[in-house]
């Protein structure tokens, strides 16, 4: 994330939100595909391994967790149980045991340079439901 932040600020990009991880695929038994990003006011030209993208528009189920990131498995499980009770389907498919998400995010608004204790961090989760 530091590399992306430094690259953006080095090009004069104005940041528009908290850094995030986008989970394109989640495979609890194998490899997951995850991108790191930071929202910006306007997109600079991509360069090398750093690209630019736009997150899909639409509705999202969101939840804010206050606490250590190692507690997120329980938070995610609770969101998924809630969605199942509500009859909500995700904008996600399962391919060879891996979940392929249209958009699933973890945002980190707490700056670890200001609050180094992860048990005091705020983490925002966003899951895109099916239309």
C-alpha atoms as a PDB file:
ATOM      1  CA  UNK A   1       0.000   0.000   0.000  1.00  0.00           C
ATOM      2  CA  UNK A   2       2.921   2.317   0.727  1.00  0.00           C
ATOM      3  CA  UNK A   3       4.143   1.837  -2.856  1.00  0.00           C
ATOM      4  CA  UNK A   4       0.757   2.820  -4.300  1.00  0.00           C
ATOM      5  CA  UNK A   5       0.451   5.821  -1.981  1.00  0.00           C
ATOM      6  CA  UNK A   6       3.937   7.033  -2.827  1.00  0.00           C
ATOM      7  CA  UNK A   7       3.326   6.559  -6.549  1.00  0.00           C
ATOM      8  CA  UNK A   8       0.083   8.577  -6.380  1.00  0.00           C
ATOM      9  CA  UNK A   9       1.489  11.431  -4.315  1.00  0.00           C
ATOM     10  CA  UNK A  10       4.561  11.526  -6.561  1.00  0.00           C
ATOM     11  CA  UNK A  11       2.240  12.286  -9.479  1.00  0.00           C
ATOM     12  CA  UNK A  12       0.261  14.932  -7.603  1.00  0.00           C
ATOM     13  CA  UNK A  13      -2.883  12.791  -7.314  1.00  0.00           C
ATOM     14  CA  UNK A  14      -5.415  14.057  -4.790  1.00  0.00           C
ATOM     15  CA  UNK A  15      -6.509  11.196  -2.505  1.00  0.00           C
ATOM     16  CA  UNK A  16     -10.275  10.822  -2.043  1.00  0.00           C
ATOM     17  CA  UNK A  17     -10.601   8.163   0.646  1.00  0.00           C
ATOM     18  CA  UNK A  18      -9.082   5.386   2.678  1.00  0.00           C
ATOM     19  CA  UNK A  19      -6.792   2.714   1.241  1.00  0.00           C
ATOM     20  CA  UNK A  20      -8.503  -0.566   0.498  1.00  0.00           C
ATOM     21  CA  UNK A  21      -8.057  -4.135  -0.599  1.00  0.00           C
ATOM     22  CA  UNK A  22     -10.304  -5.466  -3.352  1.00  0.00           C
ATOM     23  CA  UNK A  23     -10.894  -9.208  -3.235  1.00  0.00           C
ATOM     24  CA  UNK A  24     -11.410 -10.316  -6.833  1.00  0.00           C
ATOM     25  CA  UNK A  25     -11.341 -13.965  -5.821  1.00  0.00           C
ATOM     26  CA  UNK A  26     -11.341 -15.679  -2.461  1.00  0.00           C
ATOM     27  CA  UNK A  27     -10.145 -19.266  -2.223  1.00  0.00           C
ATOM     28  CA  UNK A  28      -9.788 -20.467   1.369  1.00  0.00           C
ATOM     29  CA  UNK A  29      -8.046 -23.653   0.162  1.00  0.00           C
ATOM     30  CA  UNK A  30      -5.791 -22.090  -2.484  1.00  0.00           C
ATOM     31  CA  UNK A  31      -4.730 -18.703  -3.775  1.00  0.00           C
ATOM     32  CA  UNK A  32      -6.871 -15.567  -3.687  1.00  0.00           C
ATOM     33  CA  UNK A  33      -6.567 -12.599  -6.044  1.00  0.00           C
ATOM     34  CA  UNK A  34      -6.366  -9.298  -4.162  1.00  0.00           C
ATOM     35  CA  UNK A  35      -5.658  -5.756  -5.373  1.00  0.00           C
ATOM     36  CA  UNK A  36      -4.542  -2.814  -3.229  1.00  0.00           C
ATOM     37  CA  UNK A  37      -5.977   0.595  -4.029  1.00  0.00           C
ATOM     38  CA  UNK A  38      -6.583   4.139  -2.908  1.00  0.00           C
ATOM     39  CA  UNK A  39      -9.483   6.283  -4.164  1.00  0.00           C
ATOM     40  CA  UNK A  40      -8.407   9.419  -6.043  1.00  0.00           C
ATOM     41  CA  UNK A  41     -10.179  12.512  -7.345  1.00  0.00           C
ATOM     42  CA  UNK A  42      -8.804  11.995 -10.859  1.00  0.00           C
ATOM     43  CA  UNK A  43      -6.933   9.013 -12.248  1.00  0.00           C
ATOM     44  CA  UNK A  44      -3.320   9.361 -13.308  1.00  0.00           C
ATOM     45  CA  UNK A  45      -1.979   7.349 -16.234  1.00  0.00           C
ATOM     46  CA  UNK A  46      -1.088   3.765 -15.257  1.00  0.00           C
ATOM     47  CA  UNK A  47       2.576   2.846 -15.135  1.00  0.00           C
ATOM     48  CA  UNK A  48       4.327  -0.508 -14.831  1.00  0.00           C
ATOM     49  CA  UNK A  49       2.680  -2.793 -12.289  1.00  0.00           C
ATOM     50  CA  UNK A  50       0.428   0.029 -11.024  1.00  0.00           C
ATOM     51  CA  UNK A  51      -2.864   0.330 -12.843  1.00  0.00           C
ATOM     52  CA  UNK A  52      -6.055   2.296 -12.458  1.00  0.00           C
ATOM     53  CA  UNK A  53      -9.607   1.003 -12.226  1.00  0.00           C
ATOM     54  CA  UNK A  54     -13.132   2.101 -11.450  1.00  0.00           C
ATOM     55  CA  UNK A  55     -15.193   0.205  -8.897  1.00  0.00           C
ATOM     56  CA  UNK A  56     -18.613  -0.985 -10.067  1.00  0.00           C
ATOM     57  CA  UNK A  57     -21.556   1.291  -9.369  1.00  0.00           C
ATOM     58  CA  UNK A  58     -24.525  -0.026  -7.494  1.00  0.00           C
ATOM     59  CA  UNK A  59     -25.711  -1.016  -4.072  1.00  0.00           C
ATOM     60  CA  UNK A  60     -23.354  -2.394  -1.430  1.00  0.00           C
ATOM     61  CA  UNK A  61     -23.833  -4.073   1.914  1.00  0.00           C
ATOM     62  CA  UNK A  62     -21.457  -2.355   4.319  1.00  0.00           C
ATOM     63  CA  UNK A  63     -20.339  -2.905   7.874  1.00  0.00           C
ATOM     64  CA  UNK A  64     -17.752  -1.133  10.020  1.00  0.00           C
ATOM     65  CA  UNK A  65     -15.593  -3.198  12.351  1.00  0.00           C
ATOM     66  CA  UNK A  66     -13.771  -1.573  15.277  1.00  0.00           C
ATOM     67  CA  UNK A  67     -10.959  -3.876  16.302  1.00  0.00           C
ATOM     68  CA  UNK A  68      -8.104  -6.052  15.171  1.00  0.00           C
ATOM     69  CA  UNK A  69      -8.100  -7.282  11.556  1.00  0.00           C
ATOM     70  CA  UNK A  70      -7.791 -10.892  12.777  1.00  0.00           C
ATOM     71  CA  UNK A  71     -11.422 -10.616  13.930  1.00  0.00           C
ATOM     72  CA  UNK A  72     -12.698 -10.025  10.376  1.00  0.00           C
ATOM     73  CA  UNK A  73     -13.468 -13.693   9.687  1.00  0.00           C
ATOM     74  CA  UNK A  74     -16.212 -13.545  12.326  1.00  0.00           C
ATOM     75  CA  UNK A  75     -17.535 -10.230  10.998  1.00  0.00           C
ATOM     76  CA  UNK A  76     -17.640 -11.557   7.426  1.00  0.00           C
ATOM     77  CA  UNK A  77     -19.391 -14.723   8.588  1.00  0.00           C
ATOM     78  CA  UNK A  78     -22.016 -12.626  10.398  1.00  0.00           C
ATOM     79  CA  UNK A  79     -22.635 -10.487   7.269  1.00  0.00           C
ATOM     80  CA  UNK A  80     -23.029 -13.596   5.137  1.00  0.00           C
ATOM     81  CA  UNK A  81     -25.427 -15.199   7.649  1.00  0.00           C
ATOM     82  CA  UNK A  82     -27.476 -11.986   7.731  1.00  0.00           C
ATOM     83  CA  UNK A  83     -27.621 -11.900   3.918  1.00  0.00           C
ATOM     84  CA  UNK A  84     -28.764 -15.518   3.795  1.00  0.00           C
ATOM     85  CA  UNK A  85     -31.565 -14.825   6.301  1.00  0.00           C
ATOM     86  CA  UNK A  86     -32.623 -11.818   4.188  1.00  0.00           C
ATOM     87  CA  UNK A  87     -32.564 -13.846   0.960  1.00  0.00           C
ATOM     88  CA  UNK A  88     -29.854 -11.591  -0.447  1.00  0.00           C
ATOM     89  CA  UNK A  89     -27.601 -12.984  -3.160  1.00  0.00           C
ATOM     90  CA  UNK A  90     -24.106 -11.675  -3.838  1.00  0.00           C
ATOM     91  CA  UNK A  91     -22.702 -10.483  -7.153  1.00  0.00           C
ATOM     92  CA  UNK A  92     -20.341 -13.435  -6.988  1.00  0.00           C
ATOM     93  CA  UNK A  93     -19.864 -16.793  -8.652  1.00  0.00           C
ATOM     94  CA  UNK A  94     -18.004 -19.892  -7.488  1.00  0.00           C
ATOM     95  CA  UNK A  95     -15.471 -21.314  -9.954  1.00  0.00           C
ATOM     96  CA  UNK A  96     -13.414 -24.372  -8.970  1.00  0.00           C
ATOM     97  CA  UNK A  97     -14.091 -23.686  -5.294  1.00  0.00           C
ATOM     98  CA  UNK A  98     -13.031 -20.023  -5.462  1.00  0.00           C
ATOM     99  CA  UNK A  99     -15.471 -17.150  -5.034  1.00  0.00           C
ATOM    100  CA  UNK A 100     -15.172 -14.629  -7.903  1.00  0.00           C
ATOM    101  CA  UNK A 101     -16.558 -11.288  -6.674  1.00  0.00           C
ATOM    102  CA  UNK A 102     -17.771  -8.363  -8.776  1.00  0.00           C
ATOM    103  CA  UNK A 103     -16.671  -6.184  -5.864  1.00  0.00           C
ATOM    104  CA  UNK A 104     -15.723  -7.001  -2.279  1.00  0.00           C
ATOM    105  CA  UNK A 105     -13.664  -4.433  -0.359  1.00  0.00           C
ATOM    106  CA  UNK A 106     -11.863  -3.916   2.943  1.00  0.00           C
ATOM    107  CA  UNK A 107     -11.106  -0.232   3.578  1.00  0.00           C
ATOM    108  CA  UNK A 108      -8.738   0.998   6.270  1.00  0.00           C
ATOM    109  CA  UNK A 109      -9.567   4.583   7.310  1.00  0.00           C
ATOM    110  CA  UNK A 110      -7.387   4.350  10.437  1.00  0.00           C
ATOM    111  CA  UNK A 111      -3.863   5.518   9.672  1.00  0.00           C
ATOM    112  CA  UNK A 112      -1.444   3.046  11.333  1.00  0.00           C
ATOM    113  CA  UNK A 113       1.118   5.866  11.654  1.00  0.00           C
ATOM    114  CA  UNK A 114      -1.357   7.684  13.913  1.00  0.00           C
ATOM    115  CA  UNK A 115      -2.833   4.576  15.632  1.00  0.00           C
ATOM    116  CA  UNK A 116      -0.248   1.752  15.621  1.00  0.00           C
ATOM    117  CA  UNK A 117      -2.409  -0.571  17.771  1.00  0.00           C
ATOM    118  CA  UNK A 118      -4.442  -2.738  15.315  1.00  0.00           C
ATOM    119  CA  UNK A 119      -6.968  -3.544  18.045  1.00  0.00           C
ATOM    120  CA  UNK A 120      -8.058   0.119  17.832  1.00  0.00           C
ATOM    121  CA  UNK A 121      -8.406   0.293  14.041  1.00  0.00           C
ATOM    122  CA  UNK A 122     -11.627   0.910  12.142  1.00  0.00           C
ATOM    123  CA  UNK A 123     -12.145  -1.326   9.105  1.00  0.00           C
ATOM    124  CA  UNK A 124     -14.986  -0.922   6.626  1.00  0.00           C
ATOM    125  CA  UNK A 125     -16.235  -3.898   4.622  1.00  0.00           C
ATOM    126  CA  UNK A 126     -18.338  -3.567   1.459  1.00  0.00           C
ATOM    127  CA  UNK A 127     -19.923  -6.426  -0.516  1.00  0.00           C
ATOM    128  CA  UNK A 128     -21.773  -5.926  -3.799  1.00  0.00           C
ATOM    129  CA  UNK A 129     -25.076  -7.815  -3.941  1.00  0.00           C
ATOM    130  CA  UNK A 130     -26.513  -9.136  -7.183  1.00  0.00           C
ATOM    131  CA  UNK A 131     -28.817  -6.696  -8.995  1.00  0.00           C
END
